Protein backbone atom coordinates (compact mmCIF):
# COMPACT_ATOMS: atom_id res chain seq x y z
CA UNK A 1 -83.86 84.04 -5.49
CA UNK A 2 -84.84 80.55 -4.54
CA UNK A 3 -82.15 77.97 -3.93
CA UNK A 4 -83.41 75.91 -6.88
CA UNK A 5 -82.89 78.85 -9.25
CA UNK A 6 -79.35 79.30 -7.98
CA UNK A 7 -78.63 75.61 -8.53
CA UNK A 8 -80.02 75.77 -12.09
CA UNK A 9 -77.42 78.43 -12.84
CA UNK A 10 -74.70 76.16 -11.47
CA UNK A 11 -75.79 72.88 -13.07
CA UNK A 12 -73.09 72.95 -15.76
CA UNK A 13 -70.23 73.25 -13.29
CA UNK A 14 -71.83 70.74 -10.89
CA UNK A 15 -72.33 68.06 -13.56
CA UNK A 16 -68.93 68.64 -15.16
CA UNK A 17 -67.21 68.43 -11.78
CA UNK A 18 -68.89 65.11 -11.01
CA UNK A 19 -67.60 63.75 -14.33
CA UNK A 20 -64.12 65.24 -14.01
CA UNK A 21 -62.60 62.26 -12.21
CA UNK A 22 -64.81 59.42 -13.42
CA UNK A 23 -67.18 58.77 -16.33
CA UNK A 24 -70.77 57.95 -15.48
CA UNK A 25 -74.20 57.06 -16.83
CA UNK A 26 -77.36 59.01 -16.07
CA UNK A 27 -78.66 57.27 -12.96
CA UNK A 28 -75.17 56.85 -11.52
CA UNK A 29 -74.46 60.56 -12.06
CA UNK A 30 -77.69 61.40 -10.21
CA UNK A 31 -76.61 59.08 -7.37
CA UNK A 32 -73.25 60.85 -7.09
CA UNK A 33 -74.93 64.27 -7.10
CA UNK A 34 -77.31 63.20 -4.33
CA UNK A 35 -74.43 61.72 -2.33
CA UNK A 36 -72.76 65.15 -2.60
CA UNK A 37 -75.87 66.77 -1.08
CA UNK A 38 -77.67 67.92 -4.23
CA UNK A 39 -80.91 66.09 -3.38
CA UNK A 40 -83.12 68.83 -4.80
CA UNK A 41 -81.79 68.55 -8.36
CA UNK A 42 -84.49 67.05 -10.54
CA UNK A 43 -83.79 64.11 -12.80
CA UNK A 44 -85.09 65.98 -15.87
CA UNK A 45 -82.81 68.97 -15.15
CA UNK A 46 -79.74 66.77 -14.86
CA UNK A 47 -80.55 64.72 -17.98
CA UNK A 48 -81.26 67.92 -19.91
CA UNK A 49 -77.93 69.35 -18.77
CA UNK A 50 -76.12 66.19 -19.89
CA UNK A 51 -77.70 66.43 -23.35
CA UNK A 52 -76.90 70.16 -23.64
CA UNK A 53 -73.27 69.68 -22.53
CA UNK A 54 -72.94 66.83 -25.03
CA UNK A 55 -74.30 68.97 -27.87
CA UNK A 56 -71.86 71.74 -26.90
CA UNK A 57 -68.94 69.31 -27.22
CA UNK A 58 -68.07 69.28 -23.51
CA UNK A 59 -69.05 65.62 -23.09
CA UNK A 60 -68.68 62.53 -25.21
CA UNK A 61 -70.78 59.38 -24.90
CA UNK A 62 -70.28 55.66 -25.31
CA UNK A 63 -72.39 52.57 -24.70
CA UNK A 64 -71.52 49.95 -22.09
CA UNK A 65 -73.28 46.63 -21.55
CA UNK A 66 -75.28 46.36 -18.34
CA UNK A 67 -75.79 43.27 -16.21
CA UNK A 68 -79.29 44.44 -15.33
CA UNK A 69 -80.81 45.44 -18.67
CA UNK A 70 -80.06 47.31 -21.89
CA UNK A 71 -76.76 48.99 -22.64
CA UNK A 72 -76.14 52.22 -20.75
CA UNK A 73 -75.03 55.51 -22.24
CA UNK A 74 -71.96 56.71 -20.38
CA UNK A 75 -70.76 60.31 -20.37
CA UNK A 76 -67.12 61.43 -20.32
CA UNK A 77 -65.51 64.86 -20.19
CA UNK A 78 -63.81 65.97 -23.40
CA UNK A 79 -60.78 68.27 -23.52
CA UNK A 80 -63.04 71.26 -24.33
CA UNK A 81 -65.17 70.17 -21.36
CA UNK A 82 -62.14 70.17 -19.07
CA UNK A 83 -61.19 73.64 -20.29
CA UNK A 84 -64.75 74.90 -19.82
CA UNK A 85 -64.85 73.44 -16.30
CA UNK A 86 -61.54 75.13 -15.42
CA UNK A 87 -62.88 78.47 -16.69
CA UNK A 88 -66.14 78.04 -14.79
CA UNK A 89 -64.30 77.05 -11.62
CA UNK A 90 -62.16 80.19 -11.87
CA UNK A 91 -65.29 82.32 -12.35
CA UNK A 92 -67.02 80.57 -9.43
CA UNK A 93 -64.04 81.15 -7.12
CA UNK A 94 -63.91 84.82 -8.12
CA UNK A 95 -67.62 85.39 -7.49
CA UNK A 96 -67.53 83.33 -4.30
CA UNK A 97 -64.60 85.38 -2.92
CA UNK A 98 -66.40 88.63 -3.72
CA UNK A 99 -69.60 87.44 -2.06
CA UNK A 100 -67.65 86.32 1.00
CA UNK A 101 -66.07 89.79 1.25
CA UNK A 102 -69.51 91.41 0.93
CA UNK A 103 -70.95 89.26 3.69
CA UNK A 104 -67.89 89.74 5.90
CA UNK A 105 -68.13 93.52 5.41
CA UNK A 106 -71.78 93.39 6.46
CA UNK A 107 -70.80 91.54 9.65
CA UNK A 108 -68.16 94.17 10.39
CA UNK A 109 -70.70 96.98 10.12
CA UNK A 110 -73.12 95.41 12.58
């Protein structure tokens, strides 16, 4: 599996985590993701994920005036979004621990 395919499967948890502590608008969310090392995430994938998470009720939106142009659409985590993120984090930690044990076992057999 290519790294990009793995990241596509994790986009929900990545985007929700970025919005957990602070609301953001599209470009600013992309900037935070890239600052966290997710340079390979495409703009269209992130914007599509934001729209999908909004439709699912995990994000809310509001407009804010911008000094440099039209109003910006900001995204914020909803309570269902926080719950979904907590569930996904738990699942990620479980899978991550199991994978770590698998890789550690492989090292022990070498």
